[in-house]
């Protein structure tokens, strides 16, 4: 609802089956509190926020009826819900929320159920850490004033793919990604731990300790286990498709 539409909120909310909150993270709580008084106890209140614990808590505290948390794990450039993942975090009256989950399923989405805390912990890695690491790489390229077009002349397909993922981030809304990265204290703490981990490799570089690098590399490879082979197959497929494109 636009800011100018709030004076009609009561009228617009009459008899609706679903109120779906989709606003920036920092505005989600306030919007939930503002819309909830206009909803009937039968209306399903749901949100699409990329964090789930605080919005779900806010919805449960503001609305006595059915409540459901949703998080689409795909970007705005996607043209279809087919095979797209959407996380479902149960709130209240799951039987009364079932129709919405079923509808997304009919549209082709893959619905993954998770608790709000579990979702947020996983998203700290999947979203916050991944985007922040990409930001740091892009920032370093900027500080070095790397000639991107020249690197592409000498690039392997995997470098083009990786650079494409970096460039993709900076083609999007900076405010959106700042909200994702700085959304919670837990995310910020994780990112500080990540930077400390990077700094922990400094001694290895200063000493040129290739044996230590190999030891750490093999330790990580063992920890990744069978996923490494899966990742190799999947990335090879993407690389081959990229070669065909360019």
Protein backbone atom coordinates (compact mmCIF):
# COMPACT_ATOMS: atom_id res chain seq x y z
CA UNK A 1 0.00 0.00 0.00
CA UNK A 2 1.38 3.43 -0.88
CA UNK A 3 1.75 6.08 1.79
CA UNK A 4 -1.21 7.97 0.36
CA UNK A 5 -3.38 4.84 0.60
CA UNK A 6 -3.32 4.48 4.37
CA UNK A 7 -6.34 6.73 4.77
CA UNK A 8 -8.29 4.04 2.89
CA UNK A 9 -6.75 1.08 4.73
CA UNK A 10 -9.95 0.12 6.53
CA UNK A 11 -11.93 0.15 3.31
CA UNK A 12 -9.30 -1.76 1.34
CA UNK A 13 -8.90 -4.40 4.06
CA UNK A 14 -12.60 -5.24 4.29
CA UNK A 15 -13.31 -8.87 3.48
CA UNK A 16 -9.79 -9.69 2.23
CA UNK A 17 -8.41 -13.22 2.62
CA UNK A 18 -4.74 -12.20 2.65
CA UNK A 19 -2.64 -9.24 3.72
CA UNK A 20 0.87 -9.74 2.33
CA UNK A 21 3.57 -7.40 3.65
CA UNK A 22 6.40 -6.75 1.20
CA UNK A 23 8.43 -3.70 2.20
CA UNK A 24 12.11 -3.03 3.09
CA UNK A 25 13.34 -4.89 6.17
CA UNK A 26 13.64 -1.78 8.32
CA UNK A 27 10.00 -0.84 7.65
CA UNK A 28 8.45 -4.30 8.03
CA UNK A 29 7.67 -4.13 11.74
CA UNK A 30 6.03 -0.71 11.52
CA UNK A 31 3.90 -1.71 8.52
CA UNK A 32 2.73 -4.89 10.27
CA UNK A 33 1.67 -2.87 13.32
CA UNK A 34 -0.07 -0.32 11.12
CA UNK A 35 -2.07 -2.76 8.96
CA UNK A 36 -2.99 -5.32 11.64
CA UNK A 37 -5.84 -3.31 13.29
CA UNK A 38 -7.68 -3.16 9.96
CA UNK A 39 -7.69 -6.94 9.47
CA UNK A 40 -10.44 -9.31 10.48
CA UNK A 41 -9.50 -12.32 12.66
CA UNK A 42 -10.03 -14.55 9.60
CA UNK A 43 -7.56 -12.69 7.37
CA UNK A 44 -4.22 -14.38 6.79
CA UNK A 45 -1.34 -12.03 7.58
CA UNK A 46 1.93 -12.97 5.87
CA UNK A 47 5.20 -11.31 4.94
CA UNK A 48 7.96 -11.73 2.35
CA UNK A 49 10.86 -10.40 4.42
CA UNK A 50 14.30 -12.01 4.06
CA UNK A 51 14.59 -12.32 7.84
CA UNK A 52 11.88 -14.21 9.63
CA UNK A 53 12.23 -14.24 13.41
CA UNK A 54 11.42 -10.58 14.16
CA UNK A 55 8.67 -10.14 11.51
CA UNK A 56 6.98 -13.37 12.60
CA UNK A 57 7.10 -12.28 16.24
CA UNK A 58 5.65 -8.90 15.26
CA UNK A 59 2.80 -10.47 13.25
CA UNK A 60 1.92 -12.88 16.04
CA UNK A 61 1.82 -10.01 18.52
CA UNK A 62 -0.21 -7.70 16.30
CA UNK A 63 -2.79 -10.00 14.71
CA UNK A 64 -4.94 -12.67 16.41
CA UNK A 65 -5.69 -14.57 13.20
CA UNK A 66 -3.65 -16.86 10.94
CA UNK A 67 -0.02 -15.83 10.47
CA UNK A 68 2.60 -17.13 8.04
CA UNK A 69 6.16 -16.11 7.23
CA UNK A 70 7.42 -16.43 3.65
CA UNK A 71 10.79 -15.77 2.01
CA UNK A 72 11.20 -16.17 -1.76
CA UNK A 73 14.80 -17.30 -2.41
CA UNK A 74 15.08 -15.63 -5.81
CA UNK A 75 15.48 -12.15 -7.20
CA UNK A 76 13.13 -9.72 -8.92
CA UNK A 77 14.47 -10.65 -12.38
CA UNK A 78 12.91 -14.12 -12.17
CA UNK A 79 10.01 -14.41 -14.61
CA UNK A 80 8.37 -17.52 -13.18
CA UNK A 81 7.80 -19.29 -9.87
CA UNK A 82 8.49 -22.64 -11.51
CA UNK A 83 11.12 -24.56 -9.47
CA UNK A 84 11.88 -21.44 -7.40
CA UNK A 85 12.45 -22.01 -3.68
CA UNK A 86 10.23 -20.28 -1.12
CA UNK A 87 10.81 -20.77 2.59
CA UNK A 88 7.71 -21.14 4.78
CA UNK A 89 7.91 -20.33 8.49
CA UNK A 90 4.75 -21.40 10.35
CA UNK A 91 3.15 -18.83 12.62
CA UNK A 92 -0.42 -19.49 13.75
CA UNK A 93 -3.37 -21.60 12.54
CA UNK A 94 -1.46 -23.61 9.89
CA UNK A 95 -4.69 -25.17 8.58
CA UNK A 96 -5.97 -21.69 7.69
CA UNK A 97 -2.66 -20.90 5.96
CA UNK A 98 -2.56 -24.07 3.90
CA UNK A 99 -4.40 -22.60 0.91
CA UNK A 100 -1.66 -20.01 0.32
CA UNK A 101 1.12 -22.61 0.48
CA UNK A 102 -0.87 -24.83 -1.89
CA UNK A 103 -1.35 -21.95 -4.32
CA UNK A 104 2.38 -21.24 -4.53
CA UNK A 105 2.93 -24.96 -5.05
CA UNK A 106 0.44 -24.98 -7.93
CA UNK A 107 2.38 -22.10 -9.49
CA UNK A 108 5.49 -24.32 -9.42
CA UNK A 109 7.34 -23.05 -6.36
CA UNK A 110 9.29 -25.46 -4.16
CA UNK A 111 8.05 -24.77 -0.62
CA UNK A 112 10.64 -25.45 2.11
CA UNK A 113 9.41 -25.34 5.71
CA UNK A 114 11.73 -24.07 8.44
CA UNK A 115 11.54 -22.45 11.84
CA UNK A 116 12.20 -18.71 11.93
CA UNK A 117 15.48 -19.03 13.88
CA UNK A 118 16.75 -21.83 11.64
CA UNK A 119 15.91 -19.74 8.57
CA UNK A 120 17.73 -16.68 9.88
CA UNK A 121 20.83 -18.66 10.84
CA UNK A 122 21.06 -20.22 7.37
CA UNK A 123 20.43 -16.86 5.67
CA UNK A 124 23.34 -15.36 7.59
CA UNK A 125 25.53 -17.55 5.37
CA UNK A 126 23.46 -17.78 2.18
CA UNK A 127 22.69 -14.06 1.95
CA UNK A 128 24.63 -11.81 4.33
CA UNK A 129 28.03 -13.50 4.12
CA UNK A 130 27.80 -14.19 0.39
CA UNK A 131 26.76 -10.63 -0.51
CA UNK A 132 29.30 -9.05 1.85
CA UNK A 133 32.14 -11.17 0.46
CA UNK A 134 31.09 -10.16 -3.06
CA UNK A 135 30.98 -6.50 -1.97
CA UNK A 136 34.50 -6.78 -0.52
CA UNK A 137 35.85 -8.30 -3.74
CA UNK A 138 34.20 -5.60 -5.83
CA UNK A 139 35.51 -2.89 -3.52
CA UNK A 140 39.05 -4.24 -3.81
CA UNK A 141 38.82 -4.26 -7.62
CA UNK A 142 37.62 -0.65 -7.45
CA UNK A 143 40.44 0.41 -5.11
CA UNK A 144 43.00 -1.19 -7.43
CA UNK A 145 41.23 0.41 -10.43
CA UNK A 146 41.38 -2.91 -12.25
CA UNK A 147 40.56 -2.67 -15.95
CA UNK A 148 37.74 -5.15 -16.03
CA UNK A 149 37.49 -5.29 -19.82
CA UNK A 150 41.20 -6.13 -20.06
CA UNK A 151 40.91 -8.95 -17.53
CA UNK A 152 38.06 -10.42 -19.58
CA UNK A 153 40.32 -10.55 -22.65
CA UNK A 154 42.57 -12.92 -20.71
CA UNK A 155 39.90 -14.64 -18.68
CA UNK A 156 38.93 -18.24 -18.35
CA UNK A 157 35.21 -19.01 -18.50
CA UNK A 158 35.10 -19.52 -14.75
CA UNK A 159 36.59 -16.06 -14.16
CA UNK A 160 33.98 -14.51 -16.45
CA UNK A 161 31.28 -16.34 -14.50
CA UNK A 162 32.67 -15.23 -11.15
CA UNK A 163 33.12 -11.63 -12.30
CA UNK A 164 29.59 -11.74 -13.67
CA UNK A 165 28.31 -12.63 -10.20
CA UNK A 166 30.21 -9.68 -8.74
CA UNK A 167 28.96 -7.28 -11.42
CA UNK A 168 25.42 -8.54 -10.94
CA UNK A 169 25.45 -7.36 -7.34
CA UNK A 170 26.45 -3.82 -8.28
CA UNK A 171 23.78 -3.62 -10.98
CA UNK A 172 21.12 -3.77 -8.25
CA UNK A 173 19.80 -1.58 -5.44
CA UNK A 174 22.46 -0.69 -2.86
CA UNK A 175 19.84 0.12 -0.22
CA UNK A 176 18.28 -3.33 -0.61
CA UNK A 177 21.61 -5.06 -0.04
CA UNK A 178 22.53 -2.83 2.88
CA UNK A 179 19.28 -3.92 4.56
CA UNK A 180 20.09 -7.58 3.89
CA UNK A 181 23.68 -7.36 5.15
CA UNK A 182 23.07 -5.15 8.19
CA UNK A 183 19.65 -6.59 9.10
CA UNK A 184 20.59 -8.12 12.47
CA UNK A 185 23.33 -7.94 15.07
CA UNK A 186 23.98 -11.65 14.45
CA UNK A 187 24.73 -10.97 10.80
CA UNK A 188 27.13 -8.17 11.61
CA UNK A 189 28.92 -10.37 14.15
CA UNK A 190 29.29 -13.14 11.58
CA UNK A 191 30.80 -10.72 9.07
CA UNK A 192 33.33 -9.49 11.63
CA UNK A 193 34.29 -13.12 12.22
CA UNK A 194 34.69 -13.53 8.45
CA UNK A 195 37.05 -10.55 8.23
CA UNK A 196 39.03 -11.86 11.20
CA UNK A 197 39.32 -15.21 9.42
CA UNK A 198 40.76 -13.50 6.34
CA UNK A 199 43.27 -11.64 8.48
CA UNK A 200 44.27 -14.97 9.97
CA UNK A 201 45.86 -15.96 6.66
CA UNK A 202 48.26 -13.00 6.68
CA UNK A 203 51.10 -14.87 8.39
CA UNK A 204 50.88 -17.65 5.80
CA UNK A 205 51.26 -15.11 2.99
CA UNK A 206 54.07 -13.19 4.65
CA UNK A 207 56.06 -16.42 5.10
CA UNK A 208 55.15 -17.76 1.67
CA UNK A 209 54.13 -20.94 3.45
CA UNK A 210 52.90 -23.13 0.60
CA UNK A 211 52.89 -26.23 2.78
CA UNK A 212 50.44 -24.57 5.17
CA UNK A 213 48.26 -23.51 2.24
CA UNK A 214 48.18 -27.08 0.90
CA UNK A 215 47.40 -28.43 4.36
CA UNK A 216 44.50 -26.01 4.85
CA UNK A 217 43.28 -26.58 1.29
CA UNK A 218 43.15 -30.35 1.80
CA UNK A 219 41.47 -29.93 5.17
CA UNK A 220 38.71 -27.83 3.58
CA UNK A 221 38.39 -30.20 0.62
CA UNK A 222 37.84 -33.11 2.98
CA UNK A 223 35.24 -31.10 4.90
CA UNK A 224 33.36 -30.27 1.65
CA UNK A 225 33.26 -33.98 0.88
CA UNK A 226 31.09 -35.18 -2.04
CA UNK A 227 29.69 -31.67 -2.59
CA UNK A 228 32.98 -30.69 -4.25
CA UNK A 229 32.39 -33.17 -7.08
CA UNK A 230 28.78 -32.03 -7.40
CA UNK A 231 29.93 -28.40 -7.53
CA UNK A 232 32.49 -29.28 -10.19
CA UNK A 233 29.82 -30.91 -12.37
CA UNK A 234 27.33 -28.09 -11.94
CA UNK A 235 29.84 -25.31 -12.55
CA UNK A 236 31.20 -27.13 -15.60
CA UNK A 237 27.67 -27.24 -17.00
CA UNK A 238 27.27 -23.47 -16.43
CA UNK A 239 30.67 -22.79 -17.98
CA UNK A 240 29.79 -24.77 -21.09
CA UNK A 241 26.53 -22.84 -21.44
CA UNK A 242 28.46 -19.59 -21.00
CA UNK A 243 30.94 -20.56 -23.73
CA UNK A 244 28.04 -21.22 -26.09
CA UNK A 245 26.60 -17.79 -25.28
CA UNK A 246 29.79 -15.82 -25.90
